Amino acid sequence: MGHTVHRIEVDDGGSAEGSSQEVGTGAVDLDAFEVFQTPVRAGRGFDSRDVAAGANTVVVDRLFVDTVLAGRNAIGRRIRHTAEDSRSRANPDPQPGPWLEIVGVVPDLVLDPQLPMNLDNPVRPLVYSPLGRRQEQTYPVYLAAHVRGDPAPLSPTLRRLASDLSLSLRLYDIQTLDRSTNNDAAFWAILADVILLVSALGLFLSLAGIYSVISFTVARRTREIAIRVALGAQAPRVIADTLGRPLSHVAAGVAAGCVLMGCLVALTAIDNLDSAAISSEWRGAVMQTMLTNAPLLVGYGTTMVGVCGLVCIGPIRRALRLEATQALRADV
């Protein structure tokens, strides 16, 4: 599930590298990796030595090795929480945390980093510590059991075992892993549908407003258009003059909207970078993000300007067919 996010620094030859990284941290039981069938790829997993007094060992995942250590050997390296990570009003002058030694590397539990199980948090490198070494990390706890066959009949047994251990230990919402991930995905799918519906409604109201304003503006020039045509003005010239002002107003609004959305996209791209990358790679990351979202911006601008042009066609055609004498005799 979710992991607490902390900023850490890596010890490199006795001194911190100076750059910090955001990683997810979580406490797990000693045999958690075995339950999830996640074999240790390098080093070792947790055992009784890691919960002894004074033990400062952690296990990291493959994504940590690839992103934080740039593929270098992780076993024996040390990491710690930065001083800035623990800054708060109650602790205005924090100190860095103790050094933690990496003793093992495990595969990523999230197989596809682009489609994380926990969709409300981006996939980050993970640092695991043994459950029970730090009491503040133990709540809430998610219990996982690897079962042969149908896991549904195991629920009463799990509740009984928990009750036998302690009357205060209660298990809530027991479900299979498939059901848990499906429920999480279903929630985000419903939320996405709601956002899409609200966005579509907002777009419809915007287009309706543009239609009403431009149709009214063009309709007010009906007499002018009819008289100009009667005096010999060419229809293409009249249409260009009539559409020029409404289209320029809409184009200015669309351009402002595209610039605003582009700024938001660029800020999102910068927020997704760590502090080390901002100084050297932010331009490339921002440009890549902008190029990726360019079709959306172009589609937005084309749609709005196109609707503006379409709503002008009806009033202009009606005005072009109108005789000048009729335009002078009545309001149209």
C-alpha atoms as a PDB file:
ATOM      1  CA  MET A   1       0.000   0.000   0.000  1.00  0.00           C
ATOM      2  CA  GLY A   2       1.185   3.565   0.586  1.00  0.00           C
ATOM      3  CA  HIS A   3       4.677   4.311   1.878  1.00  0.00           C
ATOM      4  CA  THR A   4       5.887   7.243   3.934  1.00  0.00           C
ATOM      5  CA  VAL A   5       8.041   9.523   1.794  1.00  0.00           C
ATOM      6  CA  HIS A   6      11.388  10.671   3.176  1.00  0.00           C
ATOM      7  CA  ARG A   7      14.373  12.470   1.723  1.00  0.00           C
ATOM      8  CA  ILE A   8      17.643  10.577   2.114  1.00  0.00           C
ATOM      9  CA  GLU A   9      21.297  11.038   1.260  1.00  0.00           C
ATOM     10  CA  VAL A  10      23.842   8.359   0.357  1.00  0.00           C
ATOM     11  CA  ASP A  11      27.223   7.918   2.000  1.00  0.00           C
ATOM     12  CA  ASP A  12      30.002   7.771  -0.578  1.00  0.00           C
ATOM     13  CA  GLY A  13      33.392   6.965   0.879  1.00  0.00           C
ATOM     14  CA  GLY A  14      32.686   8.388   4.294  1.00  0.00           C
ATOM     15  CA  SER A  15      30.927  11.592   3.247  1.00  0.00           C
ATOM     16  CA  ALA A  16      27.454  12.291   1.940  1.00  0.00           C
ATOM     17  CA  GLU A  17      27.217  12.943  -1.773  1.00  0.00           C
ATOM     18  CA  GLY A  18      25.454  16.244  -1.118  1.00  0.00           C
ATOM     19  CA  SER A  19      22.422  15.459  -3.253  1.00  0.00           C
ATOM     20  CA  SER A  20      19.282  14.047  -1.725  1.00  0.00           C
ATOM     21  CA  GLN A  21      16.569  11.786  -3.109  1.00  0.00           C
ATOM     22  CA  GLU A  22      12.943  11.212  -2.216  1.00  0.00           C
ATOM     23  CA  VAL A  23      12.233   7.572  -1.424  1.00  0.00           C
ATOM     24  CA  GLY A  24       9.366   5.617   0.005  1.00  0.00           C
ATOM     25  CA  THR A  25      10.001   3.930   3.351  1.00  0.00           C
ATOM     26  CA  GLY A  26       8.120   1.108   4.989  1.00  0.00           C
ATOM     27  CA  ALA A  27       8.496  -1.387   7.818  1.00  0.00           C
ATOM     28  CA  VAL A  28       7.947  -5.072   6.980  1.00  0.00           C
ATOM     29  CA  ASP A  29       8.040  -8.337   8.882  1.00  0.00           C
ATOM     30  CA  LEU A  30      11.137 -10.514   8.666  1.00  0.00           C
ATOM     31  CA  ASP A  31       9.549 -12.952   6.209  1.00  0.00           C
ATOM     32  CA  ALA A  32       7.508 -10.434   4.187  1.00  0.00           C
ATOM     33  CA  PHE A  33       9.545 -10.940   1.022  1.00  0.00           C
ATOM     34  CA  GLU A  34       9.051 -14.706   1.227  1.00  0.00           C
ATOM     35  CA  VAL A  35       5.279 -14.276   1.552  1.00  0.00           C
ATOM     36  CA  PHE A  36       5.166 -12.094  -1.547  1.00  0.00           C
ATOM     37  CA  GLN A  37       7.471 -14.530  -3.358  1.00  0.00           C
ATOM     38  CA  THR A  38      10.067 -11.805  -3.796  1.00  0.00           C
ATOM     39  CA  PRO A  39      13.499 -13.475  -3.622  1.00  0.00           C
ATOM     40  CA  VAL A  40      16.484 -11.463  -2.487  1.00  0.00           C
ATOM     41  CA  ARG A  41      18.595 -10.580  -5.538  1.00  0.00           C
ATOM     42  CA  ALA A  42      21.715  -9.462  -3.703  1.00  0.00           C
ATOM     43  CA  GLY A  43      22.887  -9.630  -0.126  1.00  0.00           C
ATOM     44  CA  ARG A  44      20.389 -11.050   2.350  1.00  0.00           C
ATOM     45  CA  GLY A  45      16.914 -10.477   3.717  1.00  0.00           C
ATOM     46  CA  PHE A  46      15.938  -9.612   7.265  1.00  0.00           C
ATOM     47  CA  ASP A  47      16.494 -11.954  10.202  1.00  0.00           C
ATOM     48  CA  SER A  48      16.649 -11.743  14.004  1.00  0.00           C
ATOM     49  CA  ARG A  49      19.889  -9.739  13.877  1.00  0.00           C
ATOM     50  CA  ASP A  50      18.067  -6.808  12.303  1.00  0.00           C
ATOM     51  CA  VAL A  51      15.647  -6.294  15.207  1.00  0.00           C
ATOM     52  CA  ALA A  52      18.328  -6.447  17.886  1.00  0.00           C
ATOM     53  CA  ALA A  53      19.235  -3.322  19.850  1.00  0.00           C
ATOM     54  CA  GLY A  54      21.496  -1.020  17.874  1.00  0.00           C
ATOM     55  CA  ALA A  55      20.807  -2.641  14.512  1.00  0.00           C
ATOM     56  CA  ASN A  56      20.654  -0.164  11.636  1.00  0.00           C
ATOM     57  CA  THR A  57      20.085  -2.256   8.520  1.00  0.00           C
ATOM     58  CA  VAL A  58      17.723  -1.791   5.587  1.00  0.00           C
ATOM     59  CA  VAL A  59      16.800  -3.546   2.355  1.00  0.00           C
ATOM     60  CA  VAL A  60      16.198  -1.627  -0.873  1.00  0.00           C
ATOM     61  CA  ASP A  61      14.470  -2.498  -4.133  1.00  0.00           C
ATOM     62  CA  ARG A  62      15.823  -2.634  -7.671  1.00  0.00           C
ATOM     63  CA  LEU A  63      14.387   0.789  -8.522  1.00  0.00           C
ATOM     64  CA  PHE A  64      16.450   2.264  -5.675  1.00  0.00           C
ATOM     65  CA  VAL A  65      19.616   0.753  -7.130  1.00  0.00           C
ATOM     66  CA  ASP A  66      18.811   1.996 -10.632  1.00  0.00           C
ATOM     67  CA  THR A  67      17.767   5.562  -9.750  1.00  0.00           C
ATOM     68  CA  VAL A  68      19.498   6.497  -6.500  1.00  0.00           C
ATOM     69  CA  LEU A  69      22.731   4.527  -6.930  1.00  0.00           C
ATOM     70  CA  ALA A  70      22.795   4.667 -10.745  1.00  0.00           C
ATOM     71  CA  GLY A  71      23.171   0.882 -10.955  1.00  0.00           C
ATOM     72  CA  ARG A  72      26.147   0.644  -8.601  1.00  0.00           C
ATOM     73  CA  ASN A  73      26.544  -2.070  -5.992  1.00  0.00           C
ATOM     74  CA  ALA A  74      24.215  -1.385  -3.062  1.00  0.00           C
ATOM     75  CA  ILE A  75      25.435  -3.910  -0.504  1.00  0.00           C
ATOM     76  CA  GLY A  76      27.379  -2.220   2.287  1.00  0.00           C
ATOM     77  CA  ARG A  77      26.451   1.327   1.317  1.00  0.00           C
ATOM     78  CA  ARG A  78      24.943   3.615   3.921  1.00  0.00           C
ATOM     79  CA  ILE A  79      22.028   6.003   3.732  1.00  0.00           C
ATOM     80  CA  ARG A  80      20.368   8.351   6.206  1.00  0.00           C
ATOM     81  CA  HIS A  81      17.504  10.775   6.461  1.00  0.00           C
ATOM     82  CA  THR A  82      18.543  14.343   5.739  1.00  0.00           C
ATOM     83  CA  ALA A  83      18.287  17.077   8.345  1.00  0.00           C
ATOM     84  CA  GLU A  84      15.758  18.900   6.189  1.00  0.00           C
ATOM     85  CA  ASP A  85      13.573  15.791   6.149  1.00  0.00           C
ATOM     86  CA  SER A  86      12.922  16.044   9.911  1.00  0.00           C
ATOM     87  CA  ARG A  87      12.495  19.806  10.074  1.00  0.00           C
ATOM     88  CA  SER A  88       9.296  20.950  11.764  1.00  0.00           C
ATOM     89  CA  ARG A  89       8.002  23.681  14.047  1.00  0.00           C
ATOM     90  CA  ALA A  90       8.759  21.503  17.057  1.00  0.00           C
ATOM     91  CA  ASN A  91      12.247  20.788  15.723  1.00  0.00           C
ATOM     92  CA  PRO A  92      13.510  23.959  13.975  1.00  0.00           C
ATOM     93  CA  ASP A  93      17.178  22.841  14.088  1.00  0.00           C
ATOM     94  CA  PRO A  94      17.112  19.152  13.090  1.00  0.00           C
ATOM     95  CA  GLN A  95      20.064  16.844  12.699  1.00  0.00           C
ATOM     96  CA  PRO A  96      20.542  14.122  10.065  1.00  0.00           C
ATOM     97  CA  GLY A  97      19.332  10.679  11.026  1.00  0.00           C
ATOM     98  CA  PRO A  98      21.633   7.773  11.878  1.00  0.00           C
ATOM     99  CA  TRP A  99      23.414   5.945   9.084  1.00  0.00           C
ATOM    100  CA  LEU A 100      21.588   2.834   7.843  1.00  0.00           C
ATOM    101  CA  GLU A 101      23.479   0.031   6.121  1.00  0.00           C
ATOM    102  CA  ILE A 102      22.009  -1.631   3.034  1.00  0.00           C
ATOM    103  CA  VAL A 103      22.202  -5.414   3.460  1.00  0.00           C
ATOM    104  CA  GLY A 104      19.965  -6.632   0.644  1.00  0.00           C
ATOM    105  CA  VAL A 105      18.289  -5.853  -2.666  1.00  0.00           C
ATOM    106  CA  VAL A 106      14.864  -7.229  -3.661  1.00  0.00           C
ATOM    107  CA  PRO A 107      12.880  -6.942  -6.904  1.00  0.00           C
ATOM    108  CA  ASP A 108      10.255  -4.234  -7.237  1.00  0.00           C
ATOM    109  CA  LEU A 109       6.905  -5.272  -5.809  1.00  0.00           C
ATOM    110  CA  VAL A 110       5.324  -2.966  -8.410  1.00  0.00           C
ATOM    111  CA  LEU A 111       6.087  -4.840 -11.620  1.00  0.00           C
ATOM    112  CA  ASP A 112       5.161  -1.974 -13.950  1.00  0.00           C
ATOM    113  CA  PRO A 113       6.268   1.433 -12.614  1.00  0.00           C
ATOM    114  CA  GLN A 114       3.934   3.128 -15.117  1.00  0.00           C
ATOM    115  CA  LEU A 115       0.902   1.337 -13.602  1.00  0.00           C
ATOM    116  CA  PRO A 116       1.416   1.292  -9.829  1.00  0.00           C
ATOM    117  CA  MET A 117      -0.904  -0.637  -7.554  1.00  0.00           C
ATOM    118  CA  ASN A 118      -1.311   2.410  -5.359  1.00  0.00           C
ATOM    119  CA  LEU A 119      -2.404   4.978  -7.910  1.00  0.00           C
ATOM    120  CA  ASP A 120      -2.584   7.937  -5.516  1.00  0.00           C
ATOM    121  CA  ASN A 121       1.199   7.901  -5.048  1.00  0.00           C
ATOM    122  CA  PRO A 122       3.861   7.900  -7.755  1.00  0.00           C
ATOM    123  CA  VAL A 123       6.255   4.957  -7.800  1.00  0.00           C
ATOM    124  CA  ARG A 124       9.376   5.818  -5.814  1.00  0.00           C
ATOM    125  CA  PRO A 125      12.452   3.820  -4.821  1.00  0.00           C
ATOM    126  CA  LEU A 126      11.663   1.889  -1.657  1.00  0.00           C
ATOM    127  CA  VAL A 127      13.672   1.394   1.512  1.00  0.00           C
ATOM    128  CA  TYR A 128      12.474  -1.371   3.844  1.00  0.00           C
ATOM    129  CA  SER A 129      13.258  -1.630   7.556  1.00  0.00           C
ATOM    130  CA  PRO A 130      12.317  -4.479   9.921  1.00  0.00           C
ATOM    131  CA  LEU A 131       8.916  -4.177  11.549  1.00  0.00           C
ATOM    132  CA  GLY A 132       9.202  -3.785  15.310  1.00  0.00           C
ATOM    133  CA  ARG A 133      12.523  -1.968  15.425  1.00  0.00           C
ATOM    134  CA  ARG A 134      10.826   1.410  15.433  1.00  0.00           C
ATOM    135  CA  GLN A 135       7.444   1.390  17.122  1.00  0.00           C
ATOM    136  CA  GLU A 136       6.225   4.544  15.421  1.00  0.00           C
ATOM    137  CA  GLN A 137       6.347   2.698  12.079  1.00  0.00           C
ATOM    138  CA  THR A 138       4.100  -0.169  13.113  1.00  0.00           C
ATOM    139  CA  TYR A 139       0.660   1.447  12.760  1.00  0.00           C
ATOM    140  CA  PRO A 140      -1.321   0.831  10.722  1.00  0.00           C
ATOM    141  CA  VAL A 141      -0.178  -2.668   9.798  1.00  0.00           C
ATOM    142  CA  TYR A 142      -1.290  -4.653   6.755  1.00  0.00           C
ATOM    143  CA  LEU A 143      -1.183  -8.402   7.235  1.00  0.00           C
ATOM    144  CA  ALA A 144      -0.538 -10.608   4.202  1.00  0.00           C
ATOM    145  CA  ALA A 145      -0.801 -14.400   4.130  1.00  0.00           C
ATOM    146  CA  HIS A 146       0.305 -16.697   1.310  1.00  0.00           C
ATOM    147  CA  VAL A 147      -2.343 -19.423   1.028  1.00  0.00           C
ATOM    148  CA  ARG A 148      -2.603 -22.613  -1.002  1.00  0.00           C
ATOM    149  CA  GLY A 149      -5.973 -22.978  -2.684  1.00  0.00           C
ATOM    150  CA  ASP A 150      -9.011 -20.776  -2.021  1.00  0.00           C
ATOM    151  CA  PRO A 151      -8.114 -18.078   0.534  1.00  0.00           C
ATOM    152  CA  ALA A 152     -11.739 -17.225   1.456  1.00  0.00           C
ATOM    153  CA  PRO A 153     -12.183 -19.991   4.109  1.00  0.00           C
ATOM    154  CA  LEU A 154      -9.025 -18.764   5.875  1.00  0.00           C
ATOM    155  CA  SER A 155     -10.680 -15.559   7.183  1.00  0.00           C
ATOM    156  CA  PRO A 156     -12.192 -17.106  10.368  1.00  0.00           C
ATOM    157  CA  THR A 157      -8.896 -18.846  11.095  1.00  0.00           C
ATOM    158  CA  LEU A 158      -6.934 -15.619  10.783  1.00  0.00           C
ATOM    159  CA  ARG A 159      -9.335 -13.818  13.108  1.00  0.00           C
ATOM    160  CA  ARG A 160      -9.117 -16.632  15.663  1.00  0.00           C
ATOM    161  CA  LEU A 161      -5.314 -16.667  15.572  1.00  0.00           C
ATOM    162  CA  ALA A 162      -5.215 -12.903  16.036  1.00  0.00           C
ATOM    163  CA  SER A 163      -7.627 -13.106  18.967  1.00  0.00           C
ATOM    164  CA  ASP A 164      -5.537 -15.844  20.581  1.00  0.00           C
ATOM    165  CA  LEU A 165      -2.468 -13.613  20.415  1.00  0.00           C
ATOM    166  CA  SER A 166      -4.181 -10.546  21.884  1.00  0.00           C
ATOM    167  CA  LEU A 167      -7.780  -9.492  22.446  1.00  0.00           C
ATOM    168  CA  SER A 168      -6.871  -6.019  21.227  1.00  0.00           C
ATOM    169  CA  LEU A 169      -5.518  -7.361  17.922  1.00  0.00           C
ATOM    170  CA  ARG A 170      -8.363  -7.254  15.443  1.00  0.00           C
ATOM    171  CA  LEU A 171      -8.351  -7.823  11.692  1.00  0.00           C
ATOM    172  CA  TYR A 172     -10.523  -5.664   9.482  1.00  0.00           C
ATOM    173  CA  ASP A 173     -11.556  -5.974   5.840  1.00  0.00           C
ATOM    174  CA  ILE A 174      -9.943  -9.308   5.000  1.00  0.00           C
ATOM    175  CA  GLN A 175      -9.831  -9.777   1.219  1.00  0.00           C
ATOM    176  CA  THR A 176      -7.740 -11.324  -1.514  1.00  0.00           C
ATOM    177  CA  LEU A 177      -4.934  -9.367  -3.130  1.00  0.00           C
ATOM    178  CA  ASP A 178      -6.736  -9.409  -6.491  1.00  0.00           C
ATOM    179  CA  ARG A 179      -9.859  -7.938  -4.929  1.00  0.00           C
ATOM    180  CA  SER A 180      -7.838  -5.296  -3.118  1.00  0.00           C
ATOM    181  CA  THR A 181      -6.090  -4.116  -6.279  1.00  0.00           C
ATOM    182  CA  ASN A 182      -9.318  -4.302  -8.300  1.00  0.00           C
ATOM    183  CA  ASN A 183     -11.143  -2.165  -5.718  1.00  0.00           C
ATOM    184  CA  ASP A 184      -8.347   0.383  -5.820  1.00  0.00           C
ATOM    185  CA  ALA A 185      -8.429   0.478  -9.619  1.00  0.00           C
ATOM    186  CA  ALA A 186     -12.248   0.700  -9.639  1.00  0.00           C
ATOM    187  CA  PHE A 187     -12.168   3.698  -7.292  1.00  0.00           C
ATOM    188  CA  TRP A 188      -9.767   5.585  -9.525  1.00  0.00           C
ATOM    189  CA  ALA A 189     -11.741   4.605 -12.623  1.00  0.00           C
ATOM    190  CA  ILE A 190     -14.926   6.072 -11.122  1.00  0.00           C
ATOM    191  CA  LEU A 191     -13.045   9.208 -10.068  1.00  0.00           C
ATOM    192  CA  ALA A 192     -11.637   9.571 -13.585  1.00  0.00           C
ATOM    193  CA  ASP A 193     -15.151   9.219 -15.064  1.00  0.00           C
ATOM    194  CA  VAL A 194     -16.465  11.922 -12.729  1.00  0.00           C
ATOM    195  CA  ILE A 195     -13.612  14.265 -13.640  1.00  0.00           C
ATOM    196  CA  LEU A 196     -14.191  13.563 -17.333  1.00  0.00           C
ATOM    197  CA  LEU A 197     -17.914  14.291 -16.976  1.00  0.00           C
ATOM    198  CA  VAL A 198     -17.314  17.570 -15.131  1.00  0.00           C
ATOM    199  CA  SER A 199     -14.663  18.582 -17.673  1.00  0.00           C
ATOM    200  CA  ALA A 200     -17.011  17.792 -20.570  1.00  0.00           C
ATOM    201  CA  LEU A 201     -19.760  19.831 -18.918  1.00  0.00           C
ATOM    202  CA  GLY A 202     -17.386  22.766 -18.454  1.00  0.00           C
ATOM    203  CA  LEU A 203     -16.282  22.527 -22.097  1.00  0.00           C
ATOM    204  CA  PHE A 204     -19.909  22.407 -23.262  1.00  0.00           C
ATOM    205  CA  LEU A 205     -20.809  25.506 -21.232  1.00  0.00           C
ATOM    206  CA  SER A 206     -17.744  27.309 -22.610  1.00  0.00           C
ATOM    207  CA  LEU A 207     -18.698  26.464 -26.189  1.00  0.00           C
ATOM    208  CA  ALA A 208     -22.307  27.478 -25.556  1.00  0.00           C
ATOM    209  CA  GLY A 209     -21.142  30.823 -24.198  1.00  0.00           C
ATOM    210  CA  ILE A 210     -18.896  31.420 -27.201  1.00  0.00           C
ATOM    211  CA  TYR A 211     -21.747  30.512 -29.546  1.00  0.00           C
ATOM    212  CA  SER A 212     -24.175  32.895 -27.849  1.00  0.00           C
ATOM    213  CA  VAL A 213     -21.823  35.876 -27.710  1.00  0.00           C
ATOM    214  CA  ILE A 214     -20.482  35.534 -31.253  1.00  0.00           C
ATOM    215  CA  SER A 215     -23.910  34.829 -32.761  1.00  0.00           C
ATOM    216  CA  PHE A 216     -25.266  37.959 -31.084  1.00  0.00           C
ATOM    217  CA  THR A 217     -22.275  40.028 -32.241  1.00  0.00           C
ATOM    218  CA  VAL A 218     -22.596  38.894 -35.849  1.00  0.00           C
ATOM    219  CA  ALA A 219     -26.373  39.276 -35.828  1.00  0.00           C
ATOM    220  CA  ARG A 220     -26.029  42.934 -34.814  1.00  0.00           C
ATOM    221  CA  ARG A 221     -24.013  43.555 -37.989  1.00  0.00           C
ATOM    222  CA  THR A 222     -26.676  42.088 -40.265  1.00  0.00           C
ATOM    223  CA  ARG A 223     -27.680  45.470 -41.677  1.00  0.00           C
ATOM    224  CA  GLU A 224     -24.049  46.424 -42.277  1.00  0.00           C
ATOM    225  CA  ILE A 225     -23.365  43.157 -44.081  1.00  0.00           C
ATOM    226  CA  ALA A 226     -26.475  43.422 -46.271  1.00  0.00           C
ATOM    227  CA  ILE A 227     -25.735  47.024 -47.250  1.00  0.00           C
ATOM    228  CA  ARG A 228     -22.070  46.280 -48.027  1.00  0.00           C
ATOM    229  CA  VAL A 229     -23.118  43.409 -50.293  1.00  0.00           C
ATOM    230  CA  ALA A 230     -25.701  45.645 -51.988  1.00  0.00           C
ATOM    231  CA  LEU A 231     -23.002  48.257 -52.644  1.00  0.00           C
ATOM    232  CA  GLY A 232     -20.848  45.678 -54.414  1.00  0.00           C
ATOM    233  CA  ALA A 233     -18.615  44.252 -51.676  1.00  0.00           C
ATOM    234  CA  GLN A 234     -17.405  40.715 -52.384  1.00  0.00           C
ATOM    235  CA  ALA A 235     -18.754  38.016 -50.082  1.00  0.00           C
ATOM    236  CA  PRO A 236     -15.269  36.639 -49.130  1.00  0.00           C
ATOM    237  CA  ARG A 237     -14.142  40.119 -48.094  1.00  0.00           C
ATOM    238  CA  VAL A 238     -17.292  40.665 -46.023  1.00  0.00           C
ATOM    239  CA  ILE A 239     -16.884  37.272 -44.348  1.00  0.00           C
ATOM    240  CA  ALA A 240     -13.225  37.968 -43.553  1.00  0.00           C
ATOM    241  CA  ASP A 241     -14.038  41.357 -42.056  1.00  0.00           C
ATOM    242  CA  THR A 242     -16.918  39.939 -40.048  1.00  0.00           C
ATOM    243  CA  LEU A 243     -14.979  36.969 -38.680  1.00  0.00           C
ATOM    244  CA  GLY A 244     -11.808  38.925 -37.996  1.00  0.00           C
ATOM    245  CA  ARG A 245     -12.816  40.518 -34.698  1.00  0.00           C
ATOM    246  CA  PRO A 246     -14.577  37.515 -33.086  1.00  0.00           C
ATOM    247  CA  LEU A 247     -11.827  35.135 -34.144  1.00  0.00           C
ATOM    248  CA  SER A 248      -9.114  37.471 -32.864  1.00  0.00           C
ATOM    249  CA  HIS A 249     -10.815  37.694 -29.460  1.00  0.00           C
ATOM    250  CA  VAL A 250     -11.207  33.936 -29.206  1.00  0.00           C
ATOM    251  CA  ALA A 251      -7.656  33.340 -30.470  1.00  0.00           C
ATOM    252  CA  ALA A 252      -6.293  35.667 -27.763  1.00  0.00           C
ATOM    253  CA  GLY A 253      -8.236  33.770 -25.100  1.00  0.00           C
ATOM    254  CA  VAL A 254      -7.136  30.405 -26.479  1.00  0.00           C
ATOM    255  CA  ALA A 255      -3.503  31.541 -26.586  1.00  0.00           C
ATOM    256  CA  ALA A 256      -3.705  32.701 -22.972  1.00  0.00           C
ATOM    257  CA  GLY A 257      -5.253  29.373 -21.973  1.00  0.00           C
ATOM    258  CA  CYS A 258      -2.561  27.397 -23.800  1.00  0.00           C
ATOM    259  CA  VAL A 259       0.188  29.445 -22.128  1.00  0.00           C
ATOM    260  CA  LEU A 260      -1.388  28.869 -18.711  1.00  0.00           C
ATOM    261  CA  MET A 261      -1.754  25.125 -19.289  1.00  0.00           C
ATOM    262  CA  GLY A 262       1.804  24.964 -20.632  1.00  0.00           C
ATOM    263  CA  CYS A 263       3.094  26.628 -17.456  1.00  0.00           C
ATOM    264  CA  LEU A 264       1.163  24.138 -15.317  1.00  0.00           C
ATOM    265  CA  VAL A 265       2.577  21.223 -17.321  1.00  0.00           C
ATOM    266  CA  ALA A 266       6.119  22.610 -16.963  1.00  0.00           C
ATOM    267  CA  LEU A 267       5.705  23.067 -13.205  1.00  0.00           C
ATOM    268  CA  THR A 268       4.424  19.489 -12.928  1.00  0.00           C
ATOM    269  CA  ALA A 269       7.466  18.220 -14.815  1.00  0.00           C
ATOM    270  CA  ILE A 270       9.816  20.164 -12.515  1.00  0.00           C
ATOM    271  CA  ASP A 271       8.027  18.890  -9.393  1.00  0.00           C
ATOM    272  CA  ASN A 272       8.581  15.326 -10.562  1.00  0.00           C
ATOM    273  CA  LEU A 273      12.355  15.878 -10.683  1.00  0.00           C
ATOM    274  CA  ASP A 274      14.625  15.472  -7.690  1.00  0.00           C
ATOM    275  CA  SER A 275      16.901  18.292  -6.588  1.00  0.00           C
ATOM    276  CA  ALA A 276      19.939  16.784  -8.332  1.00  0.00           C
ATOM    277  CA  ALA A 277      18.215  16.619 -11.687  1.00  0.00           C
ATOM    278  CA  ILE A 278      16.726  20.119 -11.547  1.00  0.00           C
ATOM    279  CA  SER A 279      20.112  21.750 -11.981  1.00  0.00           C
ATOM    280  CA  SER A 280      21.211  19.698 -14.993  1.00  0.00           C
ATOM    281  CA  GLU A 281      18.253  18.012 -16.666  1.00  0.00           C
ATOM    282  CA  TRP A 282      15.201  20.167 -16.025  1.00  0.00           C
ATOM    283  CA  ARG A 283      15.246  21.799 -19.444  1.00  0.00           C
ATOM    284  CA  GLY A 284      15.216  18.464 -21.210  1.00  0.00           C
ATOM    285  CA  ALA A 285      12.525  17.077 -18.923  1.00  0.00           C
ATOM    286  CA  VAL A 286      10.337  20.142 -19.373  1.00  0.00           C
ATOM    287  CA  MET A 287      10.758  20.095 -23.150  1.00  0.00           C
ATOM    288  CA  GLN A 288       9.943  16.388 -23.304  1.00  0.00           C
ATOM    289  CA  THR A 289       6.807  16.928 -21.209  1.00  0.00           C
ATOM    290  CA  MET A 290       5.748  19.867 -23.341  1.00  0.00           C
ATOM    291  CA  LEU A 291       6.230  17.883 -26.560  1.00  0.00           C
ATOM    292  CA  THR A 292       4.215  15.008 -25.091  1.00  0.00           C
ATOM    293  CA  ASN A 293       1.316  17.324 -24.193  1.00  0.00           C
ATOM    294  CA  ALA A 294       1.576  19.495 -27.322  1.00  0.00           C
ATOM    295  CA  PRO A 295      -1.151  17.530 -29.205  1.00  0.00           C
ATOM    296  CA  LEU A 296      -3.581  18.183 -26.350  1.00  0.00           C
ATOM    297  CA  LEU A 297      -2.852  21.917 -26.401  1.00  0.00           C
ATOM    298  CA  VAL A 298      -3.147  22.053 -30.191  1.00  0.00           C
ATOM    299  CA  GLY A 299      -6.400  20.102 -30.068  1.00  0.00           C
ATOM    300  CA  TYR A 300      -7.796  22.448 -27.427  1.00  0.00           C
ATOM    301  CA  GLY A 301      -6.913  25.551 -29.454  1.00  0.00           C
ATOM    302  CA  THR A 302      -8.187  24.104 -32.721  1.00  0.00           C
ATOM    303  CA  THR A 303     -11.484  23.061 -31.146  1.00  0.00           C
ATOM    304  CA  MET A 304     -12.198  26.441 -29.602  1.00  0.00           C
ATOM    305  CA  VAL A 305     -11.260  28.466 -32.704  1.00  0.00           C
ATOM    306  CA  GLY A 306     -13.148  26.002 -34.922  1.00  0.00           C
ATOM    307  CA  VAL A 307     -16.305  26.345 -32.858  1.00  0.00           C
ATOM    308  CA  CYS A 308     -15.974  30.116 -33.056  1.00  0.00           C
ATOM    309  CA  GLY A 309     -15.814  29.909 -36.843  1.00  0.00           C
ATOM    310  CA  LEU A 310     -18.749  27.512 -37.073  1.00  0.00           C
ATOM    311  CA  VAL A 311     -21.092  29.632 -34.987  1.00  0.00           C
ATOM    312  CA  CYS A 312     -20.415  32.571 -37.302  1.00  0.00           C
ATOM    313  CA  ILE A 313     -21.536  30.703 -40.438  1.00  0.00           C
ATOM    314  CA  GLY A 314     -25.290  30.780 -39.749  1.00  0.00           C
ATOM    315  CA  PRO A 315     -25.664  34.515 -39.017  1.00  0.00           C
ATOM    316  CA  ILE A 316     -23.309  35.470 -41.870  1.00  0.00           C
ATOM    317  CA  ARG A 317     -25.171  33.332 -44.434  1.00  0.00           C
ATOM    318  CA  ARG A 318     -28.459  34.809 -43.284  1.00  0.00           C
ATOM    319  CA  ALA A 319     -27.071  38.334 -43.609  1.00  0.00           C
ATOM    320  CA  LEU A 320     -25.606  37.665 -47.061  1.00  0.00           C
ATOM    321  CA  ARG A 321     -28.999  36.498 -48.366  1.00  0.00           C
ATOM    322  CA  LEU A 322     -30.795  39.544 -46.972  1.00  0.00           C
ATOM    323  CA  GLU A 323     -31.728  42.395 -49.333  1.00  0.00           C
ATOM    324  CA  ALA A 324     -30.520  45.853 -48.340  1.00  0.00           C
ATOM    325  CA  THR A 325     -34.044  47.284 -48.511  1.00  0.00           C
ATOM    326  CA  GLN A 326     -35.281  44.644 -46.090  1.00  0.00           C
ATOM    327  CA  ALA A 327     -32.385  45.351 -43.741  1.00  0.00           C
ATOM    328  CA  LEU A 328     -33.218  49.049 -43.679  1.00  0.00           C
ATOM    329  CA  ARG A 329     -36.961  48.534 -43.100  1.00  0.00           C
ATOM    330  CA  ALA A 330     -36.828  46.080 -40.181  1.00  0.00           C
ATOM    331  CA  ASP A 331     -34.660  44.981 -37.310  1.00  0.00           C
ATOM    332  CA  VAL A 332     -33.110  41.604 -38.059  1.00  0.00           C
END
